[in-house]
Amino acid sequence: MDLNRNFPVGFGDDAGSSPDPCSQTFRGPSAFSEPELANMREYIRELNDLPEKAEKEGETPRGRVAYYQDVHSYGQLILYPWGHREGSVDDIEDILTVGTKVRMGKKEQTGLVELERETMS
C-alpha cells in the first residue's frame, strides 16, 4: 500500500497507481481508505473548520492549513501534488518554492543531496 497514491485527487484513473494489491504502486481500495491519511484529513478539517459537505463540493479550504506537501522518505523524493497528470497548476511557483526550501533544509541537516524528479512542467 502506497499512501502517496491514496489521496482522492485522480484516484482510480490508473495514472501512476495500480488497483493491484501486489503492486508497489497499489493505491488502496478507495481514497483515504488508510487510517494514516483518514486521520490526517480529519485533523486538517478540524484546523480549517471545514465541513465535509464543503470539501465534497470542491470548495478550497480557507483556514490555518492552506497547503500540504508530502515527503517521500523511502525514495528521498519530494513529491509535488498532481503528479498523476501532465501539465502545470496555477500555483506551481508557490509549490516549487516550498519544495526547494524543504530540499535545502534536508541538505543542511544531513549533508545529502537527493535526486530530484520533477513531475510537473
PDB file of N, CA and C in Angstrom:
ATOM      1  N   MET A   1       0.853  -1.180   0.000  1.00  0.00           N
ATOM      2  CA  MET A   1       0.000   0.000   0.000  1.00  0.00           C
ATOM      3  C   MET A   1       0.888   1.229   0.000  1.00  0.00           C
ATOM      4  N   ASP A   2       0.706   2.077  -0.996  1.00  0.00           N
ATOM      5  CA  ASP A   2       1.480   3.308  -1.097  1.00  0.00           C
ATOM      6  C   ASP A   2       0.589   4.477  -0.699  1.00  0.00           C
ATOM      7  N   LEU A   3       0.841   5.035   0.481  1.00  0.00           N
ATOM      8  CA  LEU A   3      -0.001   6.125   0.986  1.00  0.00           C
ATOM      9  C   LEU A   3      -0.004   7.336   0.062  1.00  0.00           C
ATOM     10  N   ASN A   4       1.083   7.545  -0.668  1.00  0.00           N
ATOM     11  CA  ASN A   4       1.145   8.702  -1.563  1.00  0.00           C
ATOM     12  C   ASN A   4       0.118   8.614  -2.690  1.00  0.00           C
ATOM     13  N   ARG A   5      -0.399   7.430  -2.938  1.00  0.00           N
ATOM     14  CA  ARG A   5      -1.374   7.236  -4.006  1.00  0.00           C
ATOM     15  C   ARG A   5      -2.794   7.039  -3.466  1.00  0.00           C
ATOM     16  N   ASN A   6      -3.006   7.308  -2.166  1.00  0.00           N
ATOM     17  CA  ASN A   6      -4.292   7.075  -1.529  1.00  0.00           C
ATOM     18  C   ASN A   6      -5.098   8.359  -1.352  1.00  0.00           C
ATOM     19  N   PHE A   7      -4.644   9.442  -1.956  1.00  0.00           N
ATOM     20  CA  PHE A   7      -5.371  10.708  -1.907  1.00  0.00           C
ATOM     21  C   PHE A   7      -6.504  10.700  -2.939  1.00  0.00           C
ATOM     22  N   PRO A   8      -7.537  11.521  -2.748  1.00  0.00           N
ATOM     23  CA  PRO A   8      -8.697  11.462  -3.640  1.00  0.00           C
ATOM     24  C   PRO A   8      -8.486  12.071  -5.030  1.00  0.00           C
ATOM     25  N   VAL A   9      -7.578  13.021  -5.169  1.00  0.00           N
ATOM     26  CA  VAL A   9      -7.401  13.680  -6.466  1.00  0.00           C
ATOM     27  C   VAL A   9      -6.832  12.678  -7.467  1.00  0.00           C
ATOM     28  N   GLY A  10      -7.559  12.426  -8.519  1.00  0.00           N
ATOM     29  CA  GLY A  10      -7.118  11.495  -9.546  1.00  0.00           C
ATOM     30  C   GLY A  10      -7.189  10.038  -9.129  1.00  0.00           C
ATOM     31  N   PHE A  11      -7.828   9.746  -8.007  1.00  0.00           N
ATOM     32  CA  PHE A  11      -7.866   8.366  -7.524  1.00  0.00           C
ATOM     33  C   PHE A  11      -8.606   7.478  -8.519  1.00  0.00           C
ATOM     34  N   GLY A  12      -7.990   6.349  -8.829  1.00  0.00           N
ATOM     35  CA  GLY A  12      -8.633   5.361  -9.682  1.00  0.00           C
ATOM     36  C   GLY A  12      -8.459   5.564 -11.169  1.00  0.00           C
ATOM     37  N   ASP A  13      -7.686   6.569 -11.573  1.00  0.00           N
ATOM     38  CA  ASP A  13      -7.530   6.781 -13.011  1.00  0.00           C
ATOM     39  C   ASP A  13      -6.342   6.017 -13.597  1.00  0.00           C
ATOM     40  N   ASP A  14      -5.672   5.202 -12.800  1.00  0.00           N
ATOM     41  CA  ASP A  14      -4.557   4.343 -13.210  1.00  0.00           C
ATOM     42  C   ASP A  14      -3.328   5.096 -13.712  1.00  0.00           C
ATOM     43  N   ALA A  15      -3.280   6.393 -13.578  1.00  0.00           N
ATOM     44  CA  ALA A  15      -2.086   7.157 -13.978  1.00  0.00           C
ATOM     45  C   ALA A  15      -1.147   7.229 -12.778  1.00  0.00           C
ATOM     46  N   GLY A  16      -0.148   6.365 -12.759  1.00  0.00           N
ATOM     47  CA  GLY A  16       0.824   6.385 -11.677  1.00  0.00           C
ATOM     48  C   GLY A  16       0.443   5.553 -10.467  1.00  0.00           C
ATOM     49  N   SER A  17      -0.659   4.825 -10.553  1.00  0.00           N
ATOM     50  CA  SER A  17      -1.049   3.958  -9.439  1.00  0.00           C
ATOM     51  C   SER A  17      -1.687   2.695 -10.011  1.00  0.00           C
ATOM     52  N   SER A  18      -1.872   1.732  -9.131  1.00  0.00           N
ATOM     53  CA  SER A  18      -2.404   0.449  -9.571  1.00  0.00           C
ATOM     54  C   SER A  18      -3.502  -0.031  -8.627  1.00  0.00           C
ATOM     55  N   PRO A  19      -4.507  -0.723  -9.175  1.00  0.00           N
ATOM     56  CA  PRO A  19      -5.525  -1.338  -8.322  1.00  0.00           C
ATOM     57  C   PRO A  19      -5.079  -2.701  -7.784  1.00  0.00           C
ATOM     58  N   ASP A  20      -3.914  -3.160  -8.220  1.00  0.00           N
ATOM     59  CA  ASP A  20      -3.400  -4.478  -7.848  1.00  0.00           C
ATOM     60  C   ASP A  20      -2.717  -4.422  -6.476  1.00  0.00           C
ATOM     61  N   PRO A  21      -3.233  -5.129  -5.474  1.00  0.00           N
ATOM     62  CA  PRO A  21      -2.634  -5.102  -4.140  1.00  0.00           C
ATOM     63  C   PRO A  21      -1.196  -5.617  -4.097  1.00  0.00           C
ATOM     64  N   CYS A  22      -0.757  -6.327  -5.111  1.00  0.00           N
ATOM     65  CA  CYS A  22       0.626  -6.834  -5.157  1.00  0.00           C
ATOM     66  C   CYS A  22       1.601  -5.834  -5.786  1.00  0.00           C
ATOM     67  N   SER A  23       1.079  -4.746  -6.321  1.00  0.00           N
ATOM     68  CA  SER A  23       1.912  -3.743  -6.975  1.00  0.00           C
ATOM     69  C   SER A  23       2.546  -2.792  -5.965  1.00  0.00           C
ATOM     70  N   GLN A  24       3.749  -2.308  -6.277  1.00  0.00           N
ATOM     71  CA  GLN A  24       4.394  -1.307  -5.415  1.00  0.00           C
ATOM     72  C   GLN A  24       3.662   0.028  -5.472  1.00  0.00           C
ATOM     73  N   THR A  25       2.837   0.214  -6.478  1.00  0.00           N
ATOM     74  CA  THR A  25       2.093   1.469  -6.603  1.00  0.00           C
ATOM     75  C   THR A  25       0.608   1.276  -6.271  1.00  0.00           C
ATOM     76  N   PHE A  26       0.301   0.250  -5.465  1.00  0.00           N
ATOM     77  CA  PHE A  26      -1.088  -0.004  -5.065  1.00  0.00           C
ATOM     78  C   PHE A  26      -1.646   1.202  -4.330  1.00  0.00           C
ATOM     79  N   ARG A  27      -2.799   1.685  -4.789  1.00  0.00           N
ATOM     80  CA  ARG A  27      -3.392   2.910  -4.243  1.00  0.00           C
ATOM     81  C   ARG A  27      -4.382   2.652  -3.113  1.00  0.00           C
ATOM     82  N   GLY A  28      -4.741   1.397  -2.898  1.00  0.00           N
ATOM     83  CA  GLY A  28      -5.731   1.077  -1.881  1.00  0.00           C
ATOM     84  C   GLY A  28      -7.094   0.888  -2.518  1.00  0.00           C
ATOM     85  N   PRO A  29      -8.049   0.415  -1.734  1.00  0.00           N
ATOM     86  CA  PRO A  29      -9.378   0.134  -2.274  1.00  0.00           C
ATOM     87  C   PRO A  29     -10.211   1.388  -2.549  1.00  0.00           C
ATOM     88  N   SER A  30      -9.920   2.475  -1.825  1.00  0.00           N
ATOM     89  CA  SER A  30     -10.640   3.736  -2.035  1.00  0.00           C
ATOM     90  C   SER A  30      -9.784   4.873  -1.482  1.00  0.00           C
ATOM     91  N   ALA A  31     -10.097   6.078  -1.925  1.00  0.00           N
ATOM     92  CA  ALA A  31      -9.366   7.249  -1.436  1.00  0.00           C
ATOM     93  C   ALA A  31      -9.540   7.378   0.074  1.00  0.00           C
ATOM     94  N   PHE A  32      -8.460   7.715   0.767  1.00  0.00           N
ATOM     95  CA  PHE A  32      -8.450   7.872   2.217  1.00  0.00           C
ATOM     96  C   PHE A  32      -8.866   6.590   2.946  1.00  0.00           C
ATOM     97  N   SER A  33      -8.632   5.434   2.316  1.00  0.00           N
ATOM     98  CA  SER A  33      -9.002   4.169   2.955  1.00  0.00           C
ATOM     99  C   SER A  33      -8.047   3.807   4.091  1.00  0.00           C
ATOM    100  N   GLU A  34      -6.868   4.394   4.097  1.00  0.00           N
ATOM    101  CA  GLU A  34      -5.874   4.039   5.106  1.00  0.00           C
ATOM    102  C   GLU A  34      -5.981   4.974   6.312  1.00  0.00           C
ATOM    103  N   PRO A  35      -5.854   4.417   7.524  1.00  0.00           N
ATOM    104  CA  PRO A  35      -6.068   5.226   8.734  1.00  0.00           C
ATOM    105  C   PRO A  35      -5.127   6.412   8.862  1.00  0.00           C
ATOM    106  N   GLU A  36      -3.896   6.281   8.381  1.00  0.00           N
ATOM    107  CA  GLU A  36      -2.947   7.398   8.484  1.00  0.00           C
ATOM    108  C   GLU A  36      -3.471   8.628   7.746  1.00  0.00           C
ATOM    109  N   LEU A  37      -3.966   8.405   6.523  1.00  0.00           N
ATOM    110  CA  LEU A  37      -4.475   9.536   5.740  1.00  0.00           C
ATOM    111  C   LEU A  37      -5.846   9.989   6.214  1.00  0.00           C
ATOM    112  N   ALA A  38      -6.681   9.049   6.617  1.00  0.00           N
ATOM    113  CA  ALA A  38      -8.002   9.433   7.130  1.00  0.00           C
ATOM    114  C   ALA A  38      -7.849  10.319   8.363  1.00  0.00           C
ATOM    115  N   ASN A  39      -6.922   9.976   9.238  1.00  0.00           N
ATOM    116  CA  ASN A  39      -6.682  10.798  10.435  1.00  0.00           C
ATOM    117  C   ASN A  39      -6.103  12.161  10.079  1.00  0.00           C
ATOM    118  N   MET A  40      -5.180  12.202   9.101  1.00  0.00           N
ATOM    119  CA  MET A  40      -4.621  13.476   8.672  1.00  0.00           C
ATOM    120  C   MET A  40      -5.719  14.369   8.087  1.00  0.00           C
ATOM    121  N   ARG A  41      -6.597  13.774   7.260  1.00  0.00           N
ATOM    122  CA  ARG A  41      -7.711  14.536   6.678  1.00  0.00           C
ATOM    123  C   ARG A  41      -8.581  15.132   7.774  1.00  0.00           C
ATOM    124  N   GLU A  42      -8.922  14.345   8.788  1.00  0.00           N
ATOM    125  CA  GLU A  42      -9.766  14.843   9.871  1.00  0.00           C
ATOM    126  C   GLU A  42      -9.068  15.954  10.658  1.00  0.00           C
ATOM    127  N   TYR A  43      -7.772  15.790  10.895  1.00  0.00           N
ATOM    128  CA  TYR A  43      -7.015  16.814  11.621  1.00  0.00           C
ATOM    129  C   TYR A  43      -7.003  18.133  10.848  1.00  0.00           C
ATOM    130  N   ILE A  44      -6.771  18.070   9.543  1.00  0.00           N
ATOM    131  CA  ILE A  44      -6.760  19.298   8.729  1.00  0.00           C
ATOM    132  C   ILE A  44      -8.154  19.910   8.674  1.00  0.00           C
ATOM    133  N   ARG A  45      -9.188  19.078   8.582  1.00  0.00           N
ATOM    134  CA  ARG A  45     -10.562  19.599   8.621  1.00  0.00           C
ATOM    135  C   ARG A  45     -10.816  20.358   9.924  1.00  0.00           C
ATOM    136  N   GLU A  46     -10.370  19.777  11.028  1.00  0.00           N
ATOM    137  CA  GLU A  46     -10.562  20.442  12.319  1.00  0.00           C
ATOM    138  C   GLU A  46      -9.826  21.773  12.365  1.00  0.00           C
ATOM    139  N   LEU A  47      -8.591  21.791  11.892  1.00  0.00           N
ATOM    140  CA  LEU A  47      -7.830  23.038  11.894  1.00  0.00           C
ATOM    141  C   LEU A  47      -8.481  24.094  11.019  1.00  0.00           C
ATOM    142  N   ASN A  48      -9.052  23.666   9.918  1.00  0.00           N
ATOM    143  CA  ASN A  48      -9.672  24.601   8.983  1.00  0.00           C
ATOM    144  C   ASN A  48     -11.147  24.818   9.255  1.00  0.00           C
ATOM    145  N   ASP A  49     -11.712  24.022  10.164  1.00  0.00           N
ATOM    146  CA  ASP A  49     -13.136  24.083  10.444  1.00  0.00           C
ATOM    147  C   ASP A  49     -13.924  23.952   9.148  1.00  0.00           C
ATOM    148  N   LEU A  50     -13.537  22.968   8.343  1.00  0.00           N
ATOM    149  CA  LEU A  50     -14.150  22.750   7.034  1.00  0.00           C
ATOM    150  C   LEU A  50     -15.124  21.588   7.102  1.00  0.00           C
ATOM    151  N   PRO A  51     -16.393  21.850   6.914  1.00  0.00           N
ATOM    152  CA  PRO A  51     -17.355  20.752   6.945  1.00  0.00           C
ATOM    153  C   PRO A  51     -17.148  19.812   5.759  1.00  0.00           C
ATOM    154  N   GLU A  52     -17.485  18.547   5.965  1.00  0.00           N
ATOM    155  CA  GLU A  52     -17.299  17.540   4.920  1.00  0.00           C
ATOM    156  C   GLU A  52     -18.054  17.914   3.650  1.00  0.00           C
ATOM    157  N   LYS A  53     -19.241  18.490   3.777  1.00  0.00           N
ATOM    158  CA  LYS A  53     -20.040  18.855   2.616  1.00  0.00           C
ATOM    159  C   LYS A  53     -19.287  19.842   1.716  1.00  0.00           C
ATOM    160  N   ALA A  54     -18.636  20.828   2.300  1.00  0.00           N
ATOM    161  CA  ALA A  54     -17.905  21.824   1.511  1.00  0.00           C
ATOM    162  C   ALA A  54     -16.765  21.165   0.741  1.00  0.00           C
ATOM    163  N   GLU A  55     -16.082  20.221   1.376  1.00  0.00           N
ATOM    164  CA  GLU A  55     -14.969  19.550   0.707  1.00  0.00           C
ATOM    165  C   GLU A  55     -15.473  18.744  -0.486  1.00  0.00           C
ATOM    166  N   LYS A  56     -16.582  18.058  -0.329  1.00  0.00           N
ATOM    167  CA  LYS A  56     -17.141  17.255  -1.417  1.00  0.00           C
ATOM    168  C   LYS A  56     -17.563  18.134  -2.589  1.00  0.00           C
ATOM    169  N   GLU A  57     -17.990  19.349  -2.293  1.00  0.00           N
ATOM    170  CA  GLU A  57     -18.424  20.257  -3.351  1.00  0.00           C
ATOM    171  C   GLU A  57     -17.258  20.994  -3.992  1.00  0.00           C
ATOM    172  N   GLY A  58     -16.045  20.679  -3.564  1.00  0.00           N
ATOM    173  CA  GLY A  58     -14.865  21.236  -4.210  1.00  0.00           C
ATOM    174  C   GLY A  58     -14.432  22.600  -3.721  1.00  0.00           C
ATOM    175  N   GLU A  59     -14.944  23.041  -2.604  1.00  0.00           N
ATOM    176  CA  GLU A  59     -14.526  24.337  -2.079  1.00  0.00           C
ATOM    177  C   GLU A  59     -13.092  24.263  -1.580  1.00  0.00           C
ATOM    178  N   THR A  60     -12.344  25.332  -1.776  1.00  0.00           N
ATOM    179  CA  THR A  60     -10.975  25.398  -1.297  1.00  0.00           C
ATOM    180  C   THR A  60     -10.984  25.760   0.178  1.00  0.00           C
ATOM    181  N   PRO A  61     -10.265  24.986   0.997  1.00  0.00           N
ATOM    182  CA  PRO A  61     -10.217  25.321   2.427  1.00  0.00           C
ATOM    183  C   PRO A  61      -9.597  26.691   2.656  1.00  0.00           C
ATOM    184  N   ARG A  62     -10.199  27.455   3.525  1.00  0.00           N
ATOM    185  CA  ARG A  62      -9.666  28.763   3.898  1.00  0.00           C
ATOM    186  C   ARG A  62      -9.487  28.778   5.403  1.00  0.00           C
ATOM    187  N   GLY A  63      -8.428  28.174   5.856  1.00  0.00           N
ATOM    188  CA  GLY A  63      -8.209  28.091   7.289  1.00  0.00           C
ATOM    189  C   GLY A  63      -6.735  28.132   7.606  1.00  0.00           C
ATOM    190  N   ARG A  64      -6.376  27.508   8.695  1.00  0.00           N
ATOM    191  CA  ARG A  64      -4.989  27.540   9.155  1.00  0.00           C
ATOM    192  C   ARG A  64      -4.060  26.728   8.265  1.00  0.00           C
ATOM    193  N   VAL A  65      -4.574  25.726   7.595  1.00  0.00           N
ATOM    194  CA  VAL A  65      -3.746  24.906   6.709  1.00  0.00           C
ATOM    195  C   VAL A  65      -4.153  25.218   5.267  1.00  0.00           C
ATOM    196  N   ALA A  66      -3.234  25.814   4.536  1.00  0.00           N
ATOM    197  CA  ALA A  66      -3.521  26.175   3.153  1.00  0.00           C
ATOM    198  C   ALA A  66      -2.808  25.262   2.173  1.00  0.00           C
ATOM    199  N   TYR A  67      -1.844  24.481   2.667  1.00  0.00           N
ATOM    200  CA  TYR A  67      -1.016  23.693   1.768  1.00  0.00           C
ATOM    201  C   TYR A  67      -0.477  22.487   2.512  1.00  0.00           C
ATOM    202  N   TYR A  68      -0.445  21.369   1.836  1.00  0.00           N
ATOM    203  CA  TYR A  68       0.139  20.145   2.395  1.00  0.00           C
ATOM    204  C   TYR A  68       1.078  19.563   1.352  1.00  0.00           C
ATOM    205  N   GLN A  69       2.281  19.230   1.755  1.00  0.00           N
ATOM    206  CA  GLN A  69       3.232  18.620   0.830  1.00  0.00           C
ATOM    207  C   GLN A  69       3.781  17.353   1.463  1.00  0.00           C
ATOM    208  N   ASP A  70       3.788  16.310   0.686  1.00  0.00           N
ATOM    209  CA  ASP A  70       4.229  15.009   1.146  1.00  0.00           C
ATOM    210  C   ASP A  70       5.724  14.842   0.899  1.00  0.00           C
ATOM    211  N   VAL A  71       6.429  14.314   1.868  1.00  0.00           N
ATOM    212  CA  VAL A  71       7.843  13.994   1.695  1.00  0.00           C
ATOM    213  C   VAL A  71       7.951  12.483   1.623  1.00  0.00           C
ATOM    214  N   HIS A  72       8.408  11.984   0.513  1.00  0.00           N
ATOM    215  CA  HIS A  72       8.511  10.548   0.268  1.00  0.00           C
ATOM    216  C   HIS A  72       9.828  10.054   0.852  1.00  0.00           C
ATOM    217  N   SER A  73       9.795   9.622   2.095  1.00  0.00           N
ATOM    218  CA  SER A  73      11.033   9.289   2.798  1.00  0.00           C
ATOM    219  C   SER A  73      11.732   8.072   2.226  1.00  0.00           C
ATOM    220  N   TYR A  74      10.995   7.112   1.701  1.00  0.00           N
ATOM    221  CA  TYR A  74      11.622   5.899   1.165  1.00  0.00           C
ATOM    222  C   TYR A  74      12.558   6.236   0.001  1.00  0.00           C
ATOM    223  N   GLY A  75      12.099   7.042  -0.911  1.00  0.00           N
ATOM    224  CA  GLY A  75      12.902   7.381  -2.081  1.00  0.00           C
ATOM    225  C   GLY A  75      13.667   8.680  -1.934  1.00  0.00           C
ATOM    226  N   GLN A  76      13.574   9.324  -0.768  1.00  0.00           N
ATOM    227  CA  GLN A  76      14.209  10.622  -0.555  1.00  0.00           C
ATOM    228  C   GLN A  76      13.791  11.611  -1.638  1.00  0.00           C
ATOM    229  N   LEU A  77      12.517  11.577  -2.000  1.00  0.00           N
ATOM    230  CA  LEU A  77      11.984  12.456  -3.031  1.00  0.00           C
ATOM    231  C   LEU A  77      10.970  13.420  -2.429  1.00  0.00           C
ATOM    232  N   ILE A  78      10.848  14.555  -3.038  1.00  0.00           N
ATOM    233  CA  ILE A  78       9.781  15.481  -2.705  1.00  0.00           C
ATOM    234  C   ILE A  78       8.755  15.334  -3.809  1.00  0.00           C
ATOM    235  N   LEU A  79       7.577  14.889  -3.454  1.00  0.00           N
ATOM    236  CA  LEU A  79       6.529  14.651  -4.443  1.00  0.00           C
ATOM    237  C   LEU A  79       5.606  15.861  -4.491  1.00  0.00           C
ATOM    238  N   TYR A  80       5.449  16.391  -5.652  1.00  0.00           N
ATOM    239  CA  TYR A  80       4.568  17.534  -5.822  1.00  0.00           C
ATOM    240  C   TYR A  80       3.150  17.050  -6.096  1.00  0.00           C
ATOM    241  N   PRO A  81       2.168  17.811  -5.631  1.00  0.00           N
ATOM    242  CA  PRO A  81       0.780  17.415  -5.883  1.00  0.00           C
ATOM    243  C   PRO A  81       0.481  17.349  -7.383  1.00  0.00           C
ATOM    244  N   TRP A  82      -0.476  16.591  -7.715  1.00  0.00           N
ATOM    245  CA  TRP A  82      -0.971  16.445  -9.082  1.00  0.00           C
ATOM    246  C   TRP A  82       0.068  15.829 -10.017  1.00  0.00           C
ATOM    247  N   GLY A  83       0.927  14.971  -9.486  1.00  0.00           N
ATOM    248  CA  GLY A  83       1.913  14.279 -10.316  1.00  0.00           C
ATOM    249  C   GLY A  83       1.287  13.221 -11.204  1.00  0.00           C
ATOM    250  N   HIS A  84      -0.005  12.970 -11.033  1.00  0.00           N
ATOM    251  CA  HIS A  84      -0.699  11.958 -11.812  1.00  0.00           C
ATOM    252  C   HIS A  84      -1.095  12.451 -13.209  1.00  0.00           C
ATOM    253  N   ARG A  85      -0.859  13.736 -13.472  1.00  0.00           N
ATOM    254  CA  ARG A  85      -1.268  14.266 -14.779  1.00  0.00           C
ATOM    255  C   ARG A  85      -0.163  15.125 -15.364  1.00  0.00           C
ATOM    256  N   GLU A  86      -0.240  15.343 -16.641  1.00  0.00           N
ATOM    257  CA  GLU A  86       0.730  16.208 -17.299  1.00  0.00           C
ATOM    258  C   GLU A  86       0.279  17.655 -17.183  1.00  0.00           C
ATOM    259  N   GLY A  87       1.207  18.545 -17.372  1.00  0.00           N
ATOM    260  CA  GLY A  87       0.867  19.956 -17.327  1.00  0.00           C
ATOM    261  C   GLY A  87       1.179  20.569 -15.979  1.00  0.00           C
ATOM    262  N   SER A  88       0.694  21.759 -15.793  1.00  0.00           N
ATOM    263  CA  SER A  88       1.016  22.520 -14.603  1.00  0.00           C
ATOM    264  C   SER A  88      -0.264  22.944 -13.898  1.00  0.00           C
ATOM    265  N   VAL A  89      -0.090  23.563 -12.753  1.00  0.00           N
ATOM    266  CA  VAL A  89      -1.207  24.103 -11.984  1.00  0.00           C
ATOM    267  C   VAL A  89      -0.963  25.586 -11.766  1.00  0.00           C
ATOM    268  N   ASP A  90      -2.005  26.287 -11.379  1.00  0.00           N
ATOM    269  CA  ASP A  90      -1.904  27.739 -11.237  1.00  0.00           C
ATOM    270  C   ASP A  90      -0.854  28.183 -10.215  1.00  0.00           C
ATOM    271  N   ASP A  91      -0.724  27.445  -9.127  1.00  0.00           N
ATOM    272  CA  ASP A  91       0.189  27.862  -8.063  1.00  0.00           C
ATOM    273  C   ASP A  91       1.515  27.104  -8.091  1.00  0.00           C
ATOM    274  N   ILE A  92       1.973  26.735  -9.282  1.00  0.00           N
ATOM    275  CA  ILE A  92       3.199  25.951  -9.427  1.00  0.00           C
ATOM    276  C   ILE A  92       4.403  26.646  -8.798  1.00  0.00           C
ATOM    277  N   GLU A  93       4.513  27.948  -8.936  1.00  0.00           N
ATOM    278  CA  GLU A  93       5.670  28.658  -8.381  1.00  0.00           C
ATOM    279  C   GLU A  93       5.700  28.556  -6.858  1.00  0.00           C
ATOM    280  N   ASP A  94       4.545  28.683  -6.223  1.00  0.00           N
ATOM    281  CA  ASP A  94       4.477  28.544  -4.766  1.00  0.00           C
ATOM    282  C   ASP A  94       4.861  27.127  -4.343  1.00  0.00           C
ATOM    283  N   ILE A  95       4.357  26.141  -5.055  1.00  0.00           N
ATOM    284  CA  ILE A  95       4.644  24.742  -4.740  1.00  0.00           C
ATOM    285  C   ILE A  95       6.134  24.454  -4.877  1.00  0.00           C
ATOM    286  N   LEU A  96       6.742  24.916  -5.960  1.00  0.00           N
ATOM    287  CA  LEU A  96       8.170  24.680  -6.175  1.00  0.00           C
ATOM    288  C   LEU A  96       9.022  25.422  -5.147  1.00  0.00           C
ATOM    289  N   THR A  97       8.590  26.598  -4.738  1.00  0.00           N
ATOM    290  CA  THR A  97       9.328  27.355  -3.720  1.00  0.00           C
ATOM    291  C   THR A  97       9.360  26.591  -2.402  1.00  0.00           C
ATOM    292  N   VAL A  98       8.213  26.076  -1.983  1.00  0.00           N
ATOM    293  CA  VAL A  98       8.163  25.300  -0.738  1.00  0.00           C
ATOM    294  C   VAL A  98       9.021  24.049  -0.871  1.00  0.00           C
ATOM    295  N   GLY A  99       8.931  23.352  -1.995  1.00  0.00           N
ATOM    296  CA  GLY A  99       9.734  22.155  -2.218  1.00  0.00           C
ATOM    297  C   GLY A  99      11.221  22.433  -2.161  1.00  0.00           C
ATOM    298  N   THR A 100      11.639  23.555  -2.734  1.00  0.00           N
ATOM    299  CA  THR A 100      13.058  23.927  -2.715  1.00  0.00           C
ATOM    300  C   THR A 100      13.523  24.202  -1.292  1.00  0.00           C
ATOM    301  N   LYS A 101      12.708  24.888  -0.507  1.00  0.00           N
ATOM    302  CA  LYS A 101      13.068  25.167   0.889  1.00  0.00           C
ATOM    303  C   LYS A 101      13.184  23.880   1.694  1.00  0.00           C
ATOM    304  N   VAL A 102      12.286  22.938   1.462  1.00  0.00           N
ATOM    305  CA  VAL A 102      12.361  21.656   2.158  1.00  0.00           C
ATOM    306  C   VAL A 102      13.637  20.921   1.754  1.00  0.00           C
ATOM    307  N   ARG A 103      13.924  20.898   0.464  1.00  0.00           N
ATOM    308  CA  ARG A 103      15.130  20.215  -0.030  1.00  0.00           C
ATOM    309  C   ARG A 103      16.391  20.834   0.565  1.00  0.00           C
ATOM    310  N   MET A 104      16.466  22.153   0.614  1.00  0.00           N
ATOM    311  CA  MET A 104      17.655  22.819   1.154  1.00  0.00           C
ATOM    312  C   MET A 104      17.768  22.570   2.663  1.00  0.00           C
ATOM    313  N   GLY A 105      16.643  22.511   3.364  1.00  0.00           N
ATOM    314  CA  GLY A 105      16.675  22.200   4.782  1.00  0.00           C
ATOM    315  C   GLY A 105      17.174  20.788   5.033  1.00  0.00           C
ATOM    316  N   LYS A 106      16.756  19.857   4.190  1.00  0.00           N
ATOM    317  CA  LYS A 106      17.250  18.482   4.305  1.00  0.00           C
ATOM    318  C   LYS A 106      18.745  18.423   4.058  1.00  0.00           C
ATOM    319  N   LYS A 107      19.197  19.180   3.082  1.00  0.00           N
ATOM    320  CA  LYS A 107      20.622  19.185   2.748  1.00  0.00           C
ATOM    321  C   LYS A 107      21.436  19.727   3.925  1.00  0.00           C
ATOM    322  N   GLU A 108      20.947  20.797   4.556  1.00  0.00           N
ATOM    323  CA  GLU A 108      21.652  21.370   5.701  1.00  0.00           C
ATOM    324  C   GLU A 108      21.698  20.398   6.875  1.00  0.00           C
ATOM    325  N   GLN A 109      20.622  19.659   7.089  1.00  0.00           N
ATOM    326  CA  GLN A 109      20.560  18.724   8.211  1.00  0.00           C
ATOM    327  C   GLN A 109      21.417  17.483   7.990  1.00  0.00           C
ATOM    328  N   THR A 110      21.403  16.956   6.782  1.00  0.00           N
ATOM    329  CA  THR A 110      22.028  15.653   6.540  1.00  0.00           C
ATOM    330  C   THR A 110      23.304  15.715   5.717  1.00  0.00           C
ATOM    331  N   GLY A 111      23.470  16.799   4.964  1.00  0.00           N
ATOM    332  CA  GLY A 111      24.614  16.889   4.049  1.00  0.00           C
ATOM    333  C   GLY A 111      24.400  16.096   2.780  1.00  0.00           C
ATOM    334  N   LEU A 112      23.234  15.463   2.674  1.00  0.00           N
ATOM    335  CA  LEU A 112      22.937  14.653   1.496  1.00  0.00           C
ATOM    336  C   LEU A 112      22.167  15.471   0.474  1.00  0.00           C
ATOM    337  N   VAL A 113      22.401  15.212  -0.762  1.00  0.00           N
ATOM    338  CA  VAL A 113      21.633  15.828  -1.837  1.00  0.00           C
ATOM    339  C   VAL A 113      20.907  14.706  -2.553  1.00  0.00           C
ATOM    340  N   GLU A 114      19.596  14.752  -2.523  1.00  0.00           N
ATOM    341  CA  GLU A 114      18.824  13.702  -3.168  1.00  0.00           C
ATOM    342  C   GLU A 114      18.626  14.017  -4.642  1.00  0.00           C
ATOM    343  N   LEU A 115      18.355  12.989  -5.397  1.00  0.00           N
ATOM    344  CA  LEU A 115      17.995  13.185  -6.787  1.00  0.00           C
ATOM    345  C   LEU A 115      16.579  13.719  -6.811  1.00  0.00           C
ATOM    346  N   GLU A 116      16.335  14.714  -7.606  1.00  0.00           N
ATOM    347  CA  GLU A 116      15.008  15.288  -7.664  1.00  0.00           C
ATOM    348  C   GLU A 116      14.375  14.909  -8.987  1.00  0.00           C
ATOM    349  N   ARG A 117      13.154  14.423  -8.914  1.00  0.00           N
ATOM    350  CA  ARG A 117      12.425  14.100 -10.125  1.00  0.00           C
ATOM    351  C   ARG A 117      11.259  15.056 -10.225  1.00  0.00           C
ATOM    352  N   GLU A 118      11.302  15.892 -11.200  1.00  0.00           N
ATOM    353  CA  GLU A 118      10.245  16.870 -11.406  1.00  0.00           C
ATOM    354  C   GLU A 118       9.079  16.172 -12.079  1.00  0.00           C
ATOM    355  N   THR A 119       7.902  16.219 -11.468  1.00  0.00           N
ATOM    356  CA  THR A 119       6.753  15.579 -12.064  1.00  0.00           C
ATOM    357  C   THR A 119       5.785  16.582 -12.670  1.00  0.00           C
ATOM    358  N   MET A 120       6.155  17.827 -12.600  1.00  0.00           N
ATOM    359  CA  MET A 120       5.282  18.857 -13.155  1.00  0.00           C
ATOM    360  C   MET A 120       6.110  19.747 -14.072  1.00  0.00           C
ATOM    361  N   SER A 121       5.508  20.210 -15.140  1.00  0.00           N
ATOM    362  CA  SER A 121       6.240  21.086 -16.060  1.00  0.00           C
ATOM    363  C   SER A 121       5.796  22.525 -15.922  1.00  0.00           C
TER     364      SER A 121
END
